[in-house]
Every structure is written in C-alpha cells, then in structure tokens.
C-alpha cells in the first residue's frame, strides 16, 4: 500500500539516522516530483545528489573510475552519484545515512519500519549495510521470521534503490573503488566489495520499498525495458511467486 498523500508535520530523523540522500538525475522531472511528494508527506529532511549527470562527467574522472567500457553512460552516471553520496558521508563525517534512488515507492509502513529498524541498527556492529527494499524479490523465509524483529543477517545484497550504511562501510567501499575501479553496475559492485571485505549485510523484513523502474511506474534508463504494462505484470507475478516460495 503506498503512502497516504495527505500532508504531515515535519519530523526529525529517527535516532541514529543522520542523513537521507536521494540519487537523482536532473532530467527526470516526474521522478523528482514523485519523490518530493513522498518525502514531504513523511515530513522527512533529505538532500538530492545531483552531481555527475551524464553530460557532466569529467572525462578524466571517467577514465579514473571506470576501468573498461562495460557500463553504459546511464550506468556510469548512476554509479558516480552513489559514489558521491559515500564521499559526502566521509567529507561531513556522517555516522549513518539512508540512500534512496529517485524512483522508489515508499509503502505506508515506511515510517514505522524506519523507526523500528533503527533501534536494531544501533545495536549492530560496524561496518554493515542494511537493505530496505524488495529488490530481486528476495525475502526472509517464513520459518526464520521472528515477531518484533526487523533486521535479518543475509549473505547477499539487494538492489541499490534503498539502503542504510555506516560511515565505516562508506570508507571501505570508497577505498576499494579507488584501488580497483568500477566495472559492473553499482549494486553488483557494492555487493562484491561487501563480500570481499566481509561487510555484514542485513535485510528488512518485510521490505517497505519498491522500485518504480521495476514495477512499471517508470521506464528504466539502466536496462533494456519492456513496455510498462509488461513490467508491471512481471513484477506482480515475481512478487507473488517468490513470496509463496518463502512461506
């Protein structure tokens, strides 16, 4: 169920969450309006990451960060925007931040889940990363779910549409990229880094974020897209089938 669009009061971020960054390409006006409406409804402060639109990527930086030509310009731009969010965390010494992409759809349970999971976040060791979305339609098996528990350790990441990371995790990822560069989409890059460096990964269950470029709301700029009606149908089928498989 999506958010109720009725206005709300301005909220402070839950204890332990210090910033929200939204990855955004300035040409995506519809996405900007959609995410702004959601965040205004929740009353949450956030900051757009606008650097490194496709035309604005310096060629020397492109050669420095991307070690081959395997990624499209859109994938490179997305990767650099996530990279920039990590750099902002380090520059400002932000202990913990939530990173969202501009096509996220936040469920009505987003705010209570954010409040609940942050209590568990603060008890986790550092470094770690927590995924809030249903990326790939991977879910915690039903027999492993515990009443009142929000976060579950897993041995794999999810999509980069919605994740919380600590300052130490940001530093580790940046250091790895500086030494090794980026040769695959940023969500796969992050998962590879976290696996190599042994960064613990946690999933929120149930997830409270869907990605509009996967569920048929927006066309994807990163992957070859089917018609939106087909994306929506495929998304719902995968969601139903994989949920049933985990029951």
C-alpha atoms as a PDB file:
ATOM      1  CA  UNK A   1       0.000   0.000   0.000  1.00  0.00           C
ATOM      2  CA  UNK A   2       1.513   3.386  -0.982  1.00  0.00           C
ATOM      3  CA  UNK A   3       1.758   6.413   1.264  1.00  0.00           C
ATOM      4  CA  UNK A   4      -1.310   8.497   2.029  1.00  0.00           C
ATOM      5  CA  UNK A   5      -0.555  11.785   0.194  1.00  0.00           C
ATOM      6  CA  UNK A   6      -2.135  13.936   2.905  1.00  0.00           C
ATOM      7  CA  UNK A   7       0.359  16.426   4.380  1.00  0.00           C
ATOM      8  CA  UNK A   8       2.036  15.812   7.703  1.00  0.00           C
ATOM      9  CA  UNK A   9       4.212  17.676  10.169  1.00  0.00           C
ATOM     10  CA  UNK A  10       7.977  17.938   9.784  1.00  0.00           C
ATOM     11  CA  UNK A  11       9.674  15.012  11.501  1.00  0.00           C
ATOM     12  CA  UNK A  12      13.139  14.579  12.881  1.00  0.00           C
ATOM     13  CA  UNK A  13      15.052  11.564  11.620  1.00  0.00           C
ATOM     14  CA  UNK A  14      14.940   8.538  13.939  1.00  0.00           C
ATOM     15  CA  UNK A  15      17.729   8.361  16.499  1.00  0.00           C
ATOM     16  CA  UNK A  16      20.891   7.066  14.862  1.00  0.00           C
ATOM     17  CA  UNK A  17      19.992   8.082  11.313  1.00  0.00           C
ATOM     18  CA  UNK A  18      21.876  11.238  10.433  1.00  0.00           C
ATOM     19  CA  UNK A  19      21.032  11.983   6.776  1.00  0.00           C
ATOM     20  CA  UNK A  20      18.960  10.902   3.773  1.00  0.00           C
ATOM     21  CA  UNK A  21      20.447  11.198   0.294  1.00  0.00           C
ATOM     22  CA  UNK A  22      18.333  10.803  -2.846  1.00  0.00           C
ATOM     23  CA  UNK A  23      20.164   9.811  -6.034  1.00  0.00           C
ATOM     24  CA  UNK A  24      18.642  11.880  -8.831  1.00  0.00           C
ATOM     25  CA  UNK A  25      19.222  12.744 -12.492  1.00  0.00           C
ATOM     26  CA  UNK A  26      18.082  16.316 -13.097  1.00  0.00           C
ATOM     27  CA  UNK A  27      16.322  15.482 -16.368  1.00  0.00           C
ATOM     28  CA  UNK A  28      13.863  13.123 -14.596  1.00  0.00           C
ATOM     29  CA  UNK A  29      11.276  15.734 -13.652  1.00  0.00           C
ATOM     30  CA  UNK A  30       8.465  13.262 -12.988  1.00  0.00           C
ATOM     31  CA  UNK A  31      10.631  11.211 -10.649  1.00  0.00           C
ATOM     32  CA  UNK A  32      11.731  14.313  -8.774  1.00  0.00           C
ATOM     33  CA  UNK A  33       8.143  15.417  -8.237  1.00  0.00           C
ATOM     34  CA  UNK A  34       7.159  11.930  -7.102  1.00  0.00           C
ATOM     35  CA  UNK A  35       9.938  11.520  -4.533  1.00  0.00           C
ATOM     36  CA  UNK A  36       9.496  15.089  -3.282  1.00  0.00           C
ATOM     37  CA  UNK A  37       5.804  14.419  -2.677  1.00  0.00           C
ATOM     38  CA  UNK A  38       6.583  11.243  -0.735  1.00  0.00           C
ATOM     39  CA  UNK A  39       9.229  12.874   1.427  1.00  0.00           C
ATOM     40  CA  UNK A  40       7.008  15.906   2.069  1.00  0.00           C
ATOM     41  CA  UNK A  41       4.188  13.574   3.092  1.00  0.00           C
ATOM     42  CA  UNK A  42       6.519  11.864   5.553  1.00  0.00           C
ATOM     43  CA  UNK A  43       7.918  15.209   6.701  1.00  0.00           C
ATOM     44  CA  UNK A  44      11.490  13.932   6.399  1.00  0.00           C
ATOM     45  CA  UNK A  45      14.516  16.096   5.576  1.00  0.00           C
ATOM     46  CA  UNK A  46      16.634  14.886   2.663  1.00  0.00           C
ATOM     47  CA  UNK A  47      19.232  16.023   0.134  1.00  0.00           C
ATOM     48  CA  UNK A  48      19.374  15.317  -3.594  1.00  0.00           C
ATOM     49  CA  UNK A  49      22.656  14.062  -5.043  1.00  0.00           C
ATOM     50  CA  UNK A  50      22.709  15.903  -8.376  1.00  0.00           C
ATOM     51  CA  UNK A  51      26.374  15.639  -9.354  1.00  0.00           C
ATOM     52  CA  UNK A  52      27.505  13.592 -12.336  1.00  0.00           C
ATOM     53  CA  UNK A  53      24.580  13.712 -14.732  1.00  0.00           C
ATOM     54  CA  UNK A  54      25.689  12.067 -17.983  1.00  0.00           C
ATOM     55  CA  UNK A  55      26.818  15.310 -19.723  1.00  0.00           C
ATOM     56  CA  UNK A  56      28.656  16.480 -16.604  1.00  0.00           C
ATOM     57  CA  UNK A  57      31.028  13.564 -16.006  1.00  0.00           C
ATOM     58  CA  UNK A  58      34.617  14.799 -16.445  1.00  0.00           C
ATOM     59  CA  UNK A  59      36.497  12.606 -18.883  1.00  0.00           C
ATOM     60  CA  UNK A  60      39.498  12.257 -16.583  1.00  0.00           C
ATOM     61  CA  UNK A  61      37.229  11.036 -13.768  1.00  0.00           C
ATOM     62  CA  UNK A  62      35.515   8.608 -16.124  1.00  0.00           C
ATOM     63  CA  UNK A  63      38.877   7.102 -17.083  1.00  0.00           C
ATOM     64  CA  UNK A  64      39.988   7.008 -13.464  1.00  0.00           C
ATOM     65  CA  UNK A  65      36.910   5.266 -12.047  1.00  0.00           C
ATOM     66  CA  UNK A  66      35.760   3.029 -14.911  1.00  0.00           C
ATOM     67  CA  UNK A  67      38.482   0.636 -15.971  1.00  0.00           C
ATOM     68  CA  UNK A  68      36.702  -0.606 -19.115  1.00  0.00           C
ATOM     69  CA  UNK A  69      33.741   0.253 -21.371  1.00  0.00           C
ATOM     70  CA  UNK A  70      31.345  -2.336 -19.980  1.00  0.00           C
ATOM     71  CA  UNK A  71      28.906   0.196 -18.472  1.00  0.00           C
ATOM     72  CA  UNK A  72      26.554   2.481 -20.396  1.00  0.00           C
ATOM     73  CA  UNK A  73      26.660   6.265 -19.791  1.00  0.00           C
ATOM     74  CA  UNK A  74      23.489   5.943 -17.669  1.00  0.00           C
ATOM     75  CA  UNK A  75      25.052   3.188 -15.549  1.00  0.00           C
ATOM     76  CA  UNK A  76      28.213   5.246 -15.120  1.00  0.00           C
ATOM     77  CA  UNK A  77      26.198   8.281 -14.031  1.00  0.00           C
ATOM     78  CA  UNK A  78      24.206   6.233 -11.506  1.00  0.00           C
ATOM     79  CA  UNK A  79      27.387   4.677 -10.119  1.00  0.00           C
ATOM     80  CA  UNK A  80      29.076   8.056  -9.682  1.00  0.00           C
ATOM     81  CA  UNK A  81      26.046   9.501  -7.914  1.00  0.00           C
ATOM     82  CA  UNK A  82      26.149   6.664  -5.369  1.00  0.00           C
ATOM     83  CA  UNK A  83      29.913   7.139  -5.105  1.00  0.00           C
ATOM     84  CA  UNK A  84      29.308  10.831  -4.440  1.00  0.00           C
ATOM     85  CA  UNK A  85      26.805  10.065  -1.668  1.00  0.00           C
ATOM     86  CA  UNK A  86      29.507   7.963   0.006  1.00  0.00           C
ATOM     87  CA  UNK A  87      32.029  10.792  -0.435  1.00  0.00           C
ATOM     88  CA  UNK A  88      29.625  13.264   1.176  1.00  0.00           C
ATOM     89  CA  UNK A  89      29.292  10.959   4.164  1.00  0.00           C
ATOM     90  CA  UNK A  90      33.064  10.847   4.588  1.00  0.00           C
ATOM     91  CA  UNK A  91      33.586  14.560   3.952  1.00  0.00           C
ATOM     92  CA  UNK A  92      30.944  15.521   6.523  1.00  0.00           C
ATOM     93  CA  UNK A  93      31.700  12.628   8.883  1.00  0.00           C
ATOM     94  CA  UNK A  94      28.086  11.453   8.836  1.00  0.00           C
ATOM     95  CA  UNK A  95      27.870   8.353  11.056  1.00  0.00           C
ATOM     96  CA  UNK A  96      24.901   6.739   9.271  1.00  0.00           C
ATOM     97  CA  UNK A  97      22.835   7.623   6.194  1.00  0.00           C
ATOM     98  CA  UNK A  98      19.921   6.293   4.188  1.00  0.00           C
ATOM     99  CA  UNK A  99      20.437   6.357   0.413  1.00  0.00           C
ATOM    100  CA  UNK A 100      17.379   6.241  -1.856  1.00  0.00           C
ATOM    101  CA  UNK A 101      17.103   6.311  -5.635  1.00  0.00           C
ATOM    102  CA  UNK A 102      14.642   8.753  -7.160  1.00  0.00           C
ATOM    103  CA  UNK A 103      12.240   6.072  -8.437  1.00  0.00           C
ATOM    104  CA  UNK A 104      11.498   4.475  -5.068  1.00  0.00           C
ATOM    105  CA  UNK A 105       7.917   3.890  -3.962  1.00  0.00           C
ATOM    106  CA  UNK A 106       7.636   4.008  -0.184  1.00  0.00           C
ATOM    107  CA  UNK A 107       4.922   1.899   1.413  1.00  0.00           C
ATOM    108  CA  UNK A 108       2.543   3.134   4.110  1.00  0.00           C
ATOM    109  CA  UNK A 109       4.671   1.141   6.567  1.00  0.00           C
ATOM    110  CA  UNK A 110       7.875   3.008   5.679  1.00  0.00           C
ATOM    111  CA  UNK A 111       7.947   5.405   8.638  1.00  0.00           C
ATOM    112  CA  UNK A 112       7.067   2.903  11.414  1.00  0.00           C
ATOM    113  CA  UNK A 113       9.539   0.442   9.890  1.00  0.00           C
ATOM    114  CA  UNK A 114      12.263   3.090   9.785  1.00  0.00           C
ATOM    115  CA  UNK A 115      11.671   3.929  13.440  1.00  0.00           C
ATOM    116  CA  UNK A 116      11.640   0.259  14.408  1.00  0.00           C
ATOM    117  CA  UNK A 117      14.657  -0.887  12.424  1.00  0.00           C
ATOM    118  CA  UNK A 118      16.850   1.970  13.648  1.00  0.00           C
ATOM    119  CA  UNK A 119      16.611   0.600  17.176  1.00  0.00           C
ATOM    120  CA  UNK A 120      18.173  -2.620  15.878  1.00  0.00           C
ATOM    121  CA  UNK A 121      20.601  -0.746  13.605  1.00  0.00           C
ATOM    122  CA  UNK A 122      22.199   0.914  16.599  1.00  0.00           C
ATOM    123  CA  UNK A 123      22.930  -2.477  18.153  1.00  0.00           C
ATOM    124  CA  UNK A 124      24.700  -3.853  15.067  1.00  0.00           C
ATOM    125  CA  UNK A 125      28.456  -3.911  14.757  1.00  0.00           C
ATOM    126  CA  UNK A 126      30.281  -1.611  12.384  1.00  0.00           C
ATOM    127  CA  UNK A 127      30.700  -1.823   9.440  1.00  0.00           C
ATOM    128  CA  UNK A 128      27.462  -3.172   7.961  1.00  0.00           C
ATOM    129  CA  UNK A 129      24.789  -2.312   5.390  1.00  0.00           C
ATOM    130  CA  UNK A 130      21.007  -2.701   5.613  1.00  0.00           C
ATOM    131  CA  UNK A 131      18.625  -3.071   2.653  1.00  0.00           C
ATOM    132  CA  UNK A 132      15.050  -1.777   2.927  1.00  0.00           C
ATOM    133  CA  UNK A 133      13.641  -2.784  -0.464  1.00  0.00           C
ATOM    134  CA  UNK A 134      12.331  -5.887  -2.193  1.00  0.00           C
ATOM    135  CA  UNK A 135      14.987  -5.761  -4.924  1.00  0.00           C
ATOM    136  CA  UNK A 136      15.037  -9.015  -6.875  1.00  0.00           C
ATOM    137  CA  UNK A 137      12.029 -10.214  -4.832  1.00  0.00           C
ATOM    138  CA  UNK A 138      14.173 -11.937  -2.269  1.00  0.00           C
ATOM    139  CA  UNK A 139      12.527 -12.359   1.127  1.00  0.00           C
ATOM    140  CA  UNK A 140      13.324 -13.875   4.501  1.00  0.00           C
ATOM    141  CA  UNK A 141      11.910 -17.430   4.663  1.00  0.00           C
ATOM    142  CA  UNK A 142       8.744 -17.540   6.721  1.00  0.00           C
ATOM    143  CA  UNK A 143      10.122 -20.008   9.263  1.00  0.00           C
ATOM    144  CA  UNK A 144      13.025 -17.652  10.056  1.00  0.00           C
ATOM    145  CA  UNK A 145      10.862 -14.596  10.793  1.00  0.00           C
ATOM    146  CA  UNK A 146      10.640 -13.682  14.467  1.00  0.00           C
ATOM    147  CA  UNK A 147       7.846 -11.498  15.940  1.00  0.00           C
ATOM    148  CA  UNK A 148       9.107  -7.999  16.670  1.00  0.00           C
ATOM    149  CA  UNK A 149      12.356  -8.459  14.717  1.00  0.00           C
ATOM    150  CA  UNK A 150      13.048  -6.065  11.833  1.00  0.00           C
ATOM    151  CA  UNK A 151      16.515  -6.933  10.528  1.00  0.00           C
ATOM    152  CA  UNK A 152      17.920 -10.298   9.447  1.00  0.00           C
ATOM    153  CA  UNK A 153      21.528 -11.153   8.514  1.00  0.00           C
ATOM    154  CA  UNK A 154      21.937 -12.428   4.958  1.00  0.00           C
ATOM    155  CA  UNK A 155      24.891 -13.387   2.792  1.00  0.00           C
ATOM    156  CA  UNK A 156      23.924 -11.278  -0.228  1.00  0.00           C
ATOM    157  CA  UNK A 157      22.938  -7.732  -1.093  1.00  0.00           C
ATOM    158  CA  UNK A 158      19.914  -6.354  -2.911  1.00  0.00           C
ATOM    159  CA  UNK A 159      19.408  -3.545  -5.398  1.00  0.00           C
ATOM    160  CA  UNK A 160      20.842  -0.104  -4.589  1.00  0.00           C
ATOM    161  CA  UNK A 161      17.433   1.608  -4.513  1.00  0.00           C
ATOM    162  CA  UNK A 162      17.274   1.839  -0.695  1.00  0.00           C
ATOM    163  CA  UNK A 163      19.996   1.068   1.808  1.00  0.00           C
ATOM    164  CA  UNK A 164      21.393   2.330   5.107  1.00  0.00           C
ATOM    165  CA  UNK A 165      25.144   2.350   5.539  1.00  0.00           C
ATOM    166  CA  UNK A 166      27.553   3.352   8.253  1.00  0.00           C
ATOM    167  CA  UNK A 167      30.465   5.730   7.830  1.00  0.00           C
ATOM    168  CA  UNK A 168      32.945   2.874   8.074  1.00  0.00           C
ATOM    169  CA  UNK A 169      31.128   0.992   5.292  1.00  0.00           C
ATOM    170  CA  UNK A 170      31.278   4.102   3.087  1.00  0.00           C
ATOM    171  CA  UNK A 171      35.030   4.429   3.707  1.00  0.00           C
ATOM    172  CA  UNK A 172      35.687   0.777   2.890  1.00  0.00           C
ATOM    173  CA  UNK A 173      33.732   0.965  -0.358  1.00  0.00           C
ATOM    174  CA  UNK A 174      35.456   4.178  -1.437  1.00  0.00           C
ATOM    175  CA  UNK A 175      38.902   2.787  -0.694  1.00  0.00           C
ATOM    176  CA  UNK A 176      38.147  -0.369  -2.676  1.00  0.00           C
ATOM    177  CA  UNK A 177      36.860   1.622  -5.666  1.00  0.00           C
ATOM    178  CA  UNK A 178      39.914   3.874  -5.595  1.00  0.00           C
ATOM    179  CA  UNK A 179      42.150   0.809  -5.885  1.00  0.00           C
ATOM    180  CA  UNK A 180      40.056  -1.330  -8.219  1.00  0.00           C
ATOM    181  CA  UNK A 181      37.659   0.932 -10.112  1.00  0.00           C
ATOM    182  CA  UNK A 182      34.119   0.080 -11.195  1.00  0.00           C
ATOM    183  CA  UNK A 183      33.463  -2.477 -13.951  1.00  0.00           C
ATOM    184  CA  UNK A 184      29.886  -3.575 -13.222  1.00  0.00           C
ATOM    185  CA  UNK A 185      26.576  -1.896 -12.216  1.00  0.00           C
ATOM    186  CA  UNK A 186      26.828  -0.178  -8.860  1.00  0.00           C
ATOM    187  CA  UNK A 187      24.582  -2.578  -6.931  1.00  0.00           C
ATOM    188  CA  UNK A 188      26.715  -5.514  -8.097  1.00  0.00           C
ATOM    189  CA  UNK A 189      29.869  -3.516  -7.344  1.00  0.00           C
ATOM    190  CA  UNK A 190      28.750  -2.802  -3.795  1.00  0.00           C
ATOM    191  CA  UNK A 191      27.765  -6.409  -3.188  1.00  0.00           C
ATOM    192  CA  UNK A 192      31.128  -7.604  -4.499  1.00  0.00           C
ATOM    193  CA  UNK A 193      33.009  -5.144  -2.288  1.00  0.00           C
ATOM    194  CA  UNK A 194      30.991  -6.076   0.790  1.00  0.00           C
ATOM    195  CA  UNK A 195      31.565  -9.787   0.169  1.00  0.00           C
ATOM    196  CA  UNK A 196      35.301  -9.364  -0.408  1.00  0.00           C
ATOM    197  CA  UNK A 197      35.748  -7.191   2.673  1.00  0.00           C
ATOM    198  CA  UNK A 198      33.386  -9.214   4.847  1.00  0.00           C
ATOM    199  CA  UNK A 199      30.929  -6.390   5.469  1.00  0.00           C
ATOM    200  CA  UNK A 200      27.806  -7.869   7.109  1.00  0.00           C
ATOM    201  CA  UNK A 201      24.557  -7.399   5.176  1.00  0.00           C
ATOM    202  CA  UNK A 202      21.058  -7.196   6.666  1.00  0.00           C
ATOM    203  CA  UNK A 203      17.581  -7.249   5.128  1.00  0.00           C
ATOM    204  CA  UNK A 204      14.495  -5.525   6.444  1.00  0.00           C
ATOM    205  CA  UNK A 205      11.531  -7.902   6.620  1.00  0.00           C
ATOM    206  CA  UNK A 206       9.002  -7.130   5.392  1.00  0.00           C
ATOM    207  CA  UNK A 207      10.554  -4.710   2.880  1.00  0.00           C
ATOM    208  CA  UNK A 208       8.919  -1.284   2.636  1.00  0.00           C
ATOM    209  CA  UNK A 209      10.322  -0.016  -0.692  1.00  0.00           C
ATOM    210  CA  UNK A 210       9.574  -0.917  -4.299  1.00  0.00           C
ATOM    211  CA  UNK A 211      11.386   0.484  -7.323  1.00  0.00           C
ATOM    212  CA  UNK A 212       9.213   2.281  -9.855  1.00  0.00           C
ATOM    213  CA  UNK A 213      11.513   1.406 -12.748  1.00  0.00           C
ATOM    214  CA  UNK A 214      10.892  -2.272 -11.964  1.00  0.00           C
ATOM    215  CA  UNK A 215       7.175  -2.322 -11.121  1.00  0.00           C
ATOM    216  CA  UNK A 216       6.028  -0.492 -14.260  1.00  0.00           C
ATOM    217  CA  UNK A 217       5.650   3.071 -12.954  1.00  0.00           C
ATOM    218  CA  UNK A 218       8.763   4.455 -14.704  1.00  0.00           C
ATOM    219  CA  UNK A 219      10.812   3.365 -17.677  1.00  0.00           C
ATOM    220  CA  UNK A 220      14.284   2.156 -16.750  1.00  0.00           C
ATOM    221  CA  UNK A 221      17.283   4.066 -18.057  1.00  0.00           C
ATOM    222  CA  UNK A 222      19.757   1.419 -16.918  1.00  0.00           C
ATOM    223  CA  UNK A 223      18.397  -1.736 -18.520  1.00  0.00           C
ATOM    224  CA  UNK A 224      16.587  -2.596 -21.727  1.00  0.00           C
ATOM    225  CA  UNK A 225      12.959  -2.018 -20.782  1.00  0.00           C
ATOM    226  CA  UNK A 226       9.872  -3.963 -21.782  1.00  0.00           C
ATOM    227  CA  UNK A 227       6.620  -1.994 -22.157  1.00  0.00           C
ATOM    228  CA  UNK A 228       5.459  -0.621 -18.819  1.00  0.00           C
ATOM    229  CA  UNK A 229       2.360  -2.827 -18.745  1.00  0.00           C
ATOM    230  CA  UNK A 230       4.580  -5.900 -19.169  1.00  0.00           C
ATOM    231  CA  UNK A 231       6.977  -4.702 -16.431  1.00  0.00           C
ATOM    232  CA  UNK A 232       4.044  -4.246 -14.052  1.00  0.00           C
ATOM    233  CA  UNK A 233       2.670  -7.712 -14.805  1.00  0.00           C
ATOM    234  CA  UNK A 234       6.079  -9.357 -14.490  1.00  0.00           C
ATOM    235  CA  UNK A 235       6.773  -7.550 -11.222  1.00  0.00           C
ATOM    236  CA  UNK A 236       3.492  -8.642  -9.640  1.00  0.00           C
ATOM    237  CA  UNK A 237       3.958 -12.237 -10.767  1.00  0.00           C
ATOM    238  CA  UNK A 238       7.508 -12.458  -9.385  1.00  0.00           C
ATOM    239  CA  UNK A 239       6.384 -10.853  -6.130  1.00  0.00           C
ATOM    240  CA  UNK A 240       3.517 -13.347  -5.731  1.00  0.00           C
ATOM    241  CA  UNK A 241       5.548 -16.403  -6.757  1.00  0.00           C
ATOM    242  CA  UNK A 242       8.611 -15.667  -4.642  1.00  0.00           C
ATOM    243  CA  UNK A 243       6.531 -14.708  -1.619  1.00  0.00           C
ATOM    244  CA  UNK A 244       4.706 -18.024  -1.899  1.00  0.00           C
ATOM    245  CA  UNK A 245       8.014 -19.864  -2.255  1.00  0.00           C
ATOM    246  CA  UNK A 246       9.244 -18.416   1.053  1.00  0.00           C
ATOM    247  CA  UNK A 247       6.109 -19.346   3.012  1.00  0.00           C
END
